[in-house]
């Protein structure tokens, strides 16, 4: 099976977060056909151990979205083709070619349960290349952190002609205060981004109160911690309750490490001029860098502007180059 065949099979197999089992089977079958031991662990991660000089890892899951899988003008369309099934397939192909260790993890788009399980139950590798779309000729050396919160508020029911703010108004005002409190930095990467992702509000079922709930995601630059964000939000909260869930620190990787150098060598060997990028989102690499004392870099073919988009697609020639880059990088790391 060629890397492109694997890519098409994986993109054609729905793998929304929490329902990755069929795609995991595709990966396990691929490794077994290539003579490698592979299995799914307790949480559904695909594990194919090998040379631990480098762990090649990406996520199996995608966000929801029904996009017809088709090849057109040298591009493969389909949900996950960019984020991150393209990088995942490239990682698997490079692992088979070089013997490097591989892990395909679950639920990166929601809870990062797969990566959390990996750092708790797997020995630390010598280096990590995490698969996310950076573009085939770029290495990602920075990701913002993440903190999630839920704000809940209620007010006594009253006629809507009354001037006092109800819970819906209080929740809206709270969101605006929080956004204003963080302002903006010199760039998006250096700013705290406040993004409401869901809102529910209205008259309670028993008719005695208005209720409102807002779920918010905060993206954190490297010099801001989750504790910093919680303190600022507390100062903005005059009524209601804020509940915090999981948090991940920002990642500011060193571009001078052997793993970054190996990726740059791979890009040059594939005919490119390597660059470094800092991403405004968050990924499992943040967890690996926080838990393991080894160099971590993020790399993968695909245009990240198409992450989660309704027209998600990957350039197949760029995918091929991505496989070349990862193969060269893994060979260099496994023989160093």
Protein backbone atom coordinates (compact mmCIF):
# COMPACT_ATOMS: atom_id res chain seq x y z
CA UNK A 1 0.00 0.00 0.00
CA UNK A 2 1.40 3.38 -0.98
CA UNK A 3 1.28 6.39 1.39
CA UNK A 4 -1.34 7.95 -0.86
CA UNK A 5 -3.47 4.80 -0.67
CA UNK A 6 -3.28 4.93 3.12
CA UNK A 7 -4.22 8.62 3.07
CA UNK A 8 -7.29 7.96 0.91
CA UNK A 9 -8.38 5.01 3.09
CA UNK A 10 -8.08 7.07 6.26
CA UNK A 11 -9.85 10.14 4.87
CA UNK A 12 -12.62 7.85 3.58
CA UNK A 13 -13.09 6.39 7.09
CA UNK A 14 -15.10 8.68 9.42
CA UNK A 15 -13.20 9.31 12.65
CA UNK A 16 -14.93 12.06 14.59
CA UNK A 17 -13.62 12.45 18.15
CA UNK A 18 -14.93 9.59 20.27
CA UNK A 19 -15.57 7.37 17.23
CA UNK A 20 -12.08 6.64 15.91
CA UNK A 21 -12.18 2.83 16.10
CA UNK A 22 -12.66 2.18 12.36
CA UNK A 23 -9.80 4.49 11.39
CA UNK A 24 -7.64 2.91 14.09
CA UNK A 25 -8.28 -0.47 12.48
CA UNK A 26 -7.12 0.90 9.12
CA UNK A 27 -3.84 1.97 10.73
CA UNK A 28 -3.29 -1.27 12.62
CA UNK A 29 -3.91 -3.28 9.43
CA UNK A 30 -1.45 -1.07 7.55
CA UNK A 31 1.35 -1.66 10.05
CA UNK A 32 0.67 -5.38 10.26
CA UNK A 33 0.78 -5.73 6.47
CA UNK A 34 4.16 -4.03 6.59
CA UNK A 35 5.45 -6.52 9.16
CA UNK A 36 5.17 -4.26 12.21
CA UNK A 37 3.50 -5.05 15.52
CA UNK A 38 0.58 -2.70 16.16
CA UNK A 39 -2.46 -2.59 18.41
CA UNK A 40 -4.95 -0.25 20.05
CA UNK A 41 -4.44 0.50 23.73
CA UNK A 42 -6.97 0.99 26.54
CA UNK A 43 -8.18 4.39 25.30
CA UNK A 44 -8.09 3.57 21.58
CA UNK A 45 -4.65 4.91 20.62
CA UNK A 46 -2.84 3.05 17.84
CA UNK A 47 0.57 1.91 19.11
CA UNK A 48 3.34 0.69 16.81
CA UNK A 49 6.55 0.65 18.86
CA UNK A 50 9.90 0.89 17.14
CA UNK A 51 13.12 2.86 17.40
CA UNK A 52 12.48 5.32 20.23
CA UNK A 53 15.10 7.75 18.97
CA UNK A 54 12.00 9.53 17.73
CA UNK A 55 8.27 9.09 18.28
CA UNK A 56 6.19 10.05 15.26
CA UNK A 57 2.68 10.83 16.48
CA UNK A 58 -0.48 12.51 15.28
CA UNK A 59 -4.17 12.34 16.05
CA UNK A 60 -6.67 9.94 14.52
CA UNK A 61 -9.78 12.00 15.22
CA UNK A 62 -11.36 14.82 13.22
CA UNK A 63 -14.01 17.42 13.86
CA UNK A 64 -17.49 16.69 12.49
CA UNK A 65 -18.28 17.55 8.89
CA UNK A 66 -19.46 15.66 5.82
CA UNK A 67 -17.19 16.50 2.88
CA UNK A 68 -17.32 14.31 -0.21
CA UNK A 69 -14.05 12.41 -0.56
CA UNK A 70 -12.71 13.03 -4.05
CA UNK A 71 -9.50 13.69 -5.97
CA UNK A 72 -9.59 16.79 -8.13
CA UNK A 73 -6.79 18.87 -9.70
CA UNK A 74 -4.11 17.09 -7.71
CA UNK A 75 -5.89 17.56 -4.38
CA UNK A 76 -7.70 15.16 -2.06
CA UNK A 77 -10.88 16.57 -0.56
CA UNK A 78 -12.39 15.22 2.64
CA UNK A 79 -12.81 15.86 6.33
CA UNK A 80 -9.50 15.42 8.10
CA UNK A 81 -7.38 15.55 4.93
CA UNK A 82 -5.50 18.47 6.50
CA UNK A 83 -6.28 18.25 10.23
CA UNK A 84 -4.74 15.90 10.81
CA UNK A 85 -5.22 12.77 8.70
CA UNK A 86 -2.71 14.03 6.14
CA UNK A 87 0.06 14.39 8.75
CA UNK A 88 -1.09 11.13 10.39
CA UNK A 89 -0.74 9.12 7.16
CA UNK A 90 2.62 10.73 6.43
CA UNK A 91 3.82 9.84 9.94
CA UNK A 92 2.71 6.22 9.56
CA UNK A 93 4.41 5.88 6.17
CA UNK A 94 7.66 7.37 7.49
CA UNK A 95 7.52 5.08 10.52
CA UNK A 96 7.19 2.00 8.31
CA UNK A 97 10.04 3.18 6.09
CA UNK A 98 12.46 3.95 8.95
CA UNK A 99 11.39 1.76 11.88
CA UNK A 100 10.69 4.80 14.07
CA UNK A 101 8.10 4.50 16.84
CA UNK A 102 4.56 5.58 16.01
CA UNK A 103 1.42 6.48 17.94
CA UNK A 104 -1.94 7.60 16.57
CA UNK A 105 -3.86 9.22 19.42
CA UNK A 106 -7.55 9.84 20.00
CA UNK A 107 -9.70 12.82 20.97
CA UNK A 108 -7.18 15.58 20.25
CA UNK A 109 -10.02 17.77 19.04
CA UNK A 110 -11.88 17.48 22.34
CA UNK A 111 -10.16 16.26 25.53
CA UNK A 112 -6.71 15.11 24.34
CA UNK A 113 -7.47 11.87 26.18
CA UNK A 114 -5.14 9.91 23.91
CA UNK A 115 -2.11 12.13 24.45
CA UNK A 116 -2.79 12.34 28.20
CA UNK A 117 -2.86 8.54 28.36
CA UNK A 118 0.36 8.32 26.36
CA UNK A 119 2.38 10.57 28.66
CA UNK A 120 1.10 8.72 31.73
CA UNK A 121 1.67 5.18 30.50
CA UNK A 122 4.45 5.32 27.91
CA UNK A 123 8.19 5.68 28.48
CA UNK A 124 9.66 8.97 27.36
CA UNK A 125 11.16 8.83 23.84
CA UNK A 126 14.35 10.62 22.84
CA UNK A 127 12.43 13.08 20.64
CA UNK A 128 8.90 13.74 19.41
CA UNK A 129 7.60 14.90 16.06
CA UNK A 130 3.92 15.72 16.46
CA UNK A 131 1.82 15.68 13.31
CA UNK A 132 -0.17 18.83 12.59
CA UNK A 133 -0.44 20.81 9.35
CA UNK A 134 2.43 23.28 9.16
CA UNK A 135 2.94 23.16 5.41
CA UNK A 136 5.39 20.65 3.94
CA UNK A 137 8.31 23.10 4.07
CA UNK A 138 7.71 24.60 7.55
CA UNK A 139 8.32 23.46 11.12
CA UNK A 140 6.03 24.68 13.90
CA UNK A 141 8.01 25.72 16.98
CA UNK A 142 5.28 27.48 18.95
CA UNK A 143 1.68 26.86 19.98
CA UNK A 144 -0.49 28.85 22.35
CA UNK A 145 -1.86 27.21 25.48
CA UNK A 146 -5.52 26.54 26.24
CA UNK A 147 -7.86 27.05 29.19
CA UNK A 148 -11.58 26.27 29.14
CA UNK A 149 -14.27 27.73 31.37
CA UNK A 150 -18.05 27.70 31.79
CA UNK A 151 -19.87 30.75 33.14
CA UNK A 152 -23.34 30.26 34.65
CA UNK A 153 -25.69 32.94 35.98
CA UNK A 154 -29.37 33.16 36.91
CA UNK A 155 -31.77 35.95 37.79
CA UNK A 156 -35.29 35.90 39.18
CA UNK A 157 -37.95 35.78 36.49
CA UNK A 158 -39.63 39.06 35.69
CA UNK A 159 -41.63 40.63 32.91
CA UNK A 160 -39.41 41.43 29.94
CA UNK A 161 -40.52 45.07 30.08
CA UNK A 162 -38.56 45.52 33.31
CA UNK A 163 -35.25 47.47 32.98
CA UNK A 164 -33.16 45.23 35.25
CA UNK A 165 -30.77 42.95 33.29
CA UNK A 166 -31.75 39.31 33.12
CA UNK A 167 -29.35 36.36 33.06
CA UNK A 168 -28.93 36.47 29.30
CA UNK A 169 -27.88 40.12 29.47
CA UNK A 170 -25.55 39.42 32.39
CA UNK A 171 -23.87 36.59 30.52
CA UNK A 172 -23.42 38.73 27.42
CA UNK A 173 -22.00 41.59 29.50
CA UNK A 174 -19.64 39.19 31.32
CA UNK A 175 -18.27 37.93 28.01
CA UNK A 176 -17.67 41.48 26.80
CA UNK A 177 -15.93 42.47 30.06
CA UNK A 178 -13.63 39.47 29.89
CA UNK A 179 -12.74 40.16 26.27
CA UNK A 180 -11.99 43.81 27.05
CA UNK A 181 -9.87 42.90 30.08
CA UNK A 182 -7.36 40.97 28.00
CA UNK A 183 -7.06 43.50 25.20
CA UNK A 184 -4.64 42.57 22.42
CA UNK A 185 -0.91 42.01 22.17
CA UNK A 186 1.56 42.85 19.43
CA UNK A 187 0.35 39.80 17.48
CA UNK A 188 -2.34 37.14 17.75
CA UNK A 189 0.25 34.63 19.01
CA UNK A 190 1.25 37.00 21.83
CA UNK A 191 -2.35 37.73 22.86
CA UNK A 192 -4.91 35.98 25.03
CA UNK A 193 -7.81 35.16 22.74
CA UNK A 194 -11.26 34.89 24.36
CA UNK A 195 -13.65 32.82 22.26
CA UNK A 196 -17.20 31.91 23.35
CA UNK A 197 -17.96 28.53 21.77
CA UNK A 198 -21.52 27.90 23.00
CA UNK A 199 -24.33 29.86 24.63
CA UNK A 200 -27.57 28.67 26.18
CA UNK A 201 -30.07 30.90 27.92
CA UNK A 202 -33.68 31.70 28.61
CA UNK A 203 -36.52 31.09 31.02
CA UNK A 204 -36.03 28.09 33.31
CA UNK A 205 -38.39 25.13 32.92
CA UNK A 206 -40.21 25.98 36.14
CA UNK A 207 -40.63 29.62 35.12
CA UNK A 208 -39.05 31.07 38.27
CA UNK A 209 -35.75 32.27 36.83
CA UNK A 210 -33.83 33.29 33.76
CA UNK A 211 -30.68 31.21 33.27
CA UNK A 212 -27.66 31.54 30.99
CA UNK A 213 -24.55 29.44 30.37
CA UNK A 214 -21.52 30.36 28.25
CA UNK A 215 -18.66 28.02 27.37
CA UNK A 216 -15.44 29.91 26.63
CA UNK A 217 -12.00 28.93 25.33
CA UNK A 218 -8.95 31.03 26.18
CA UNK A 219 -5.79 30.71 24.07
CA UNK A 220 -2.68 31.60 26.04
CA UNK A 221 0.66 32.99 24.81
CA UNK A 222 3.87 31.58 26.34
CA UNK A 223 4.16 34.29 28.98
CA UNK A 224 0.62 33.75 30.32
CA UNK A 225 -0.46 30.88 32.57
CA UNK A 226 -3.89 29.45 33.22
CA UNK A 227 -3.66 30.92 36.73
CA UNK A 228 -3.12 34.38 35.21
CA UNK A 229 -6.26 33.96 33.13
CA UNK A 230 -8.32 32.73 36.09
CA UNK A 231 -7.29 35.76 38.14
CA UNK A 232 -8.28 38.21 35.42
CA UNK A 233 -11.61 36.48 34.87
CA UNK A 234 -12.32 36.53 38.62
CA UNK A 235 -11.87 40.30 38.60
CA UNK A 236 -14.47 40.53 35.81
CA UNK A 237 -17.05 38.33 37.52
CA UNK A 238 -19.51 40.31 39.62
CA UNK A 239 -22.27 37.69 39.63
CA UNK A 240 -22.61 34.09 38.60
CA UNK A 241 -20.13 31.23 38.78
CA UNK A 242 -17.13 30.26 36.66
CA UNK A 243 -16.08 26.61 36.44
CA UNK A 244 -12.68 25.77 34.95
CA UNK A 245 -11.91 22.50 33.19
CA UNK A 246 -8.67 21.27 31.64
CA UNK A 247 -5.77 23.54 30.76
CA UNK A 248 -2.63 23.14 28.65
CA UNK A 249 0.44 25.37 28.80
CA UNK A 250 1.78 27.15 25.74
CA UNK A 251 4.63 25.59 23.78
CA UNK A 252 7.69 27.59 22.83
CA UNK A 253 10.03 25.01 21.32
CA UNK A 254 13.72 25.50 20.63
CA UNK A 255 14.40 25.64 16.88
CA UNK A 256 18.03 24.57 17.53
CA UNK A 257 17.23 21.04 18.78
CA UNK A 258 18.24 17.91 16.86
CA UNK A 259 14.61 17.13 15.99
CA UNK A 260 14.06 20.57 14.44
CA UNK A 261 17.39 20.29 12.64
CA UNK A 262 16.45 16.88 11.23
CA UNK A 263 13.17 18.27 9.90
CA UNK A 264 14.98 21.18 8.27
CA UNK A 265 17.34 18.70 6.62
CA UNK A 266 14.33 16.77 5.38
CA UNK A 267 12.78 19.88 3.85
CA UNK A 268 16.03 20.76 2.08
CA UNK A 269 16.45 17.22 0.75
CA UNK A 270 12.90 17.41 -0.63
CA UNK A 271 13.76 20.63 -2.48
CA UNK A 272 12.38 23.20 -0.07
CA UNK A 273 13.64 26.17 1.91
CA UNK A 274 12.63 25.45 5.54
CA UNK A 275 10.90 28.09 7.64
CA UNK A 276 9.62 28.21 11.21
CA UNK A 277 6.07 29.10 12.18
CA UNK A 278 4.21 29.79 15.41
CA UNK A 279 0.61 28.57 15.49
CA UNK A 280 -2.22 30.38 17.26
CA UNK A 281 -4.01 27.17 18.23
CA UNK A 282 -3.15 24.38 20.68
CA UNK A 283 -2.21 20.75 20.04
CA UNK A 284 -1.03 17.60 21.77
CA UNK A 285 2.59 18.74 21.40
CA UNK A 286 1.89 21.13 24.29
CA UNK A 287 1.23 18.12 26.53
CA UNK A 288 4.28 16.17 25.34
CA UNK A 289 6.60 19.12 25.91
CA UNK A 290 5.19 19.72 29.40
CA UNK A 291 5.39 16.06 30.47
CA UNK A 292 8.58 14.81 28.79
CA UNK A 293 12.11 16.19 29.02
CA UNK A 294 12.88 15.69 25.33
CA UNK A 295 12.84 17.93 22.25
CA UNK A 296 9.45 18.34 20.58
CA UNK A 297 8.63 19.80 17.17
CA UNK A 298 5.42 19.85 15.15
CA UNK A 299 5.32 19.18 11.44
CA UNK A 300 2.97 17.98 8.75
CA UNK A 301 1.84 18.55 5.17
CA UNK A 302 -1.32 20.58 4.66
CA UNK A 303 -2.51 24.17 4.70
CA UNK A 304 -3.66 24.96 8.25
CA UNK A 305 -5.97 27.68 6.88
CA UNK A 306 -8.18 24.76 5.80
CA UNK A 307 -8.38 23.20 9.31
CA UNK A 308 -12.03 22.38 10.09
CA UNK A 309 -13.15 24.19 6.92
CA UNK A 310 -16.06 23.10 4.70
CA UNK A 311 -13.65 22.91 1.73
CA UNK A 312 -10.87 20.99 3.53
CA UNK A 313 -8.41 19.47 1.05
CA UNK A 314 -4.73 18.57 0.79
CA UNK A 315 -2.37 18.96 -2.13
CA UNK A 316 -1.18 15.45 -2.94
CA UNK A 317 2.25 16.55 -4.20
CA UNK A 318 2.77 18.39 -0.90
CA UNK A 319 1.68 15.25 0.95
CA UNK A 320 4.30 13.23 -0.95
CA UNK A 321 6.96 15.76 0.01
CA UNK A 322 5.79 15.59 3.62
CA UNK A 323 6.40 11.84 3.62
CA UNK A 324 9.90 12.46 2.21
CA UNK A 325 10.66 15.07 4.86
CA UNK A 326 9.55 12.86 7.73
CA UNK A 327 11.41 9.86 6.34
CA UNK A 328 14.66 11.82 6.04
CA UNK A 329 14.22 13.35 9.51
CA UNK A 330 13.43 10.00 11.16
CA UNK A 331 16.38 8.29 9.44
CA UNK A 332 18.70 11.01 10.69
CA UNK A 333 17.38 10.82 14.25
CA UNK A 334 17.36 7.02 14.36
CA UNK A 335 21.00 6.77 13.26
CA UNK A 336 22.42 9.67 15.29
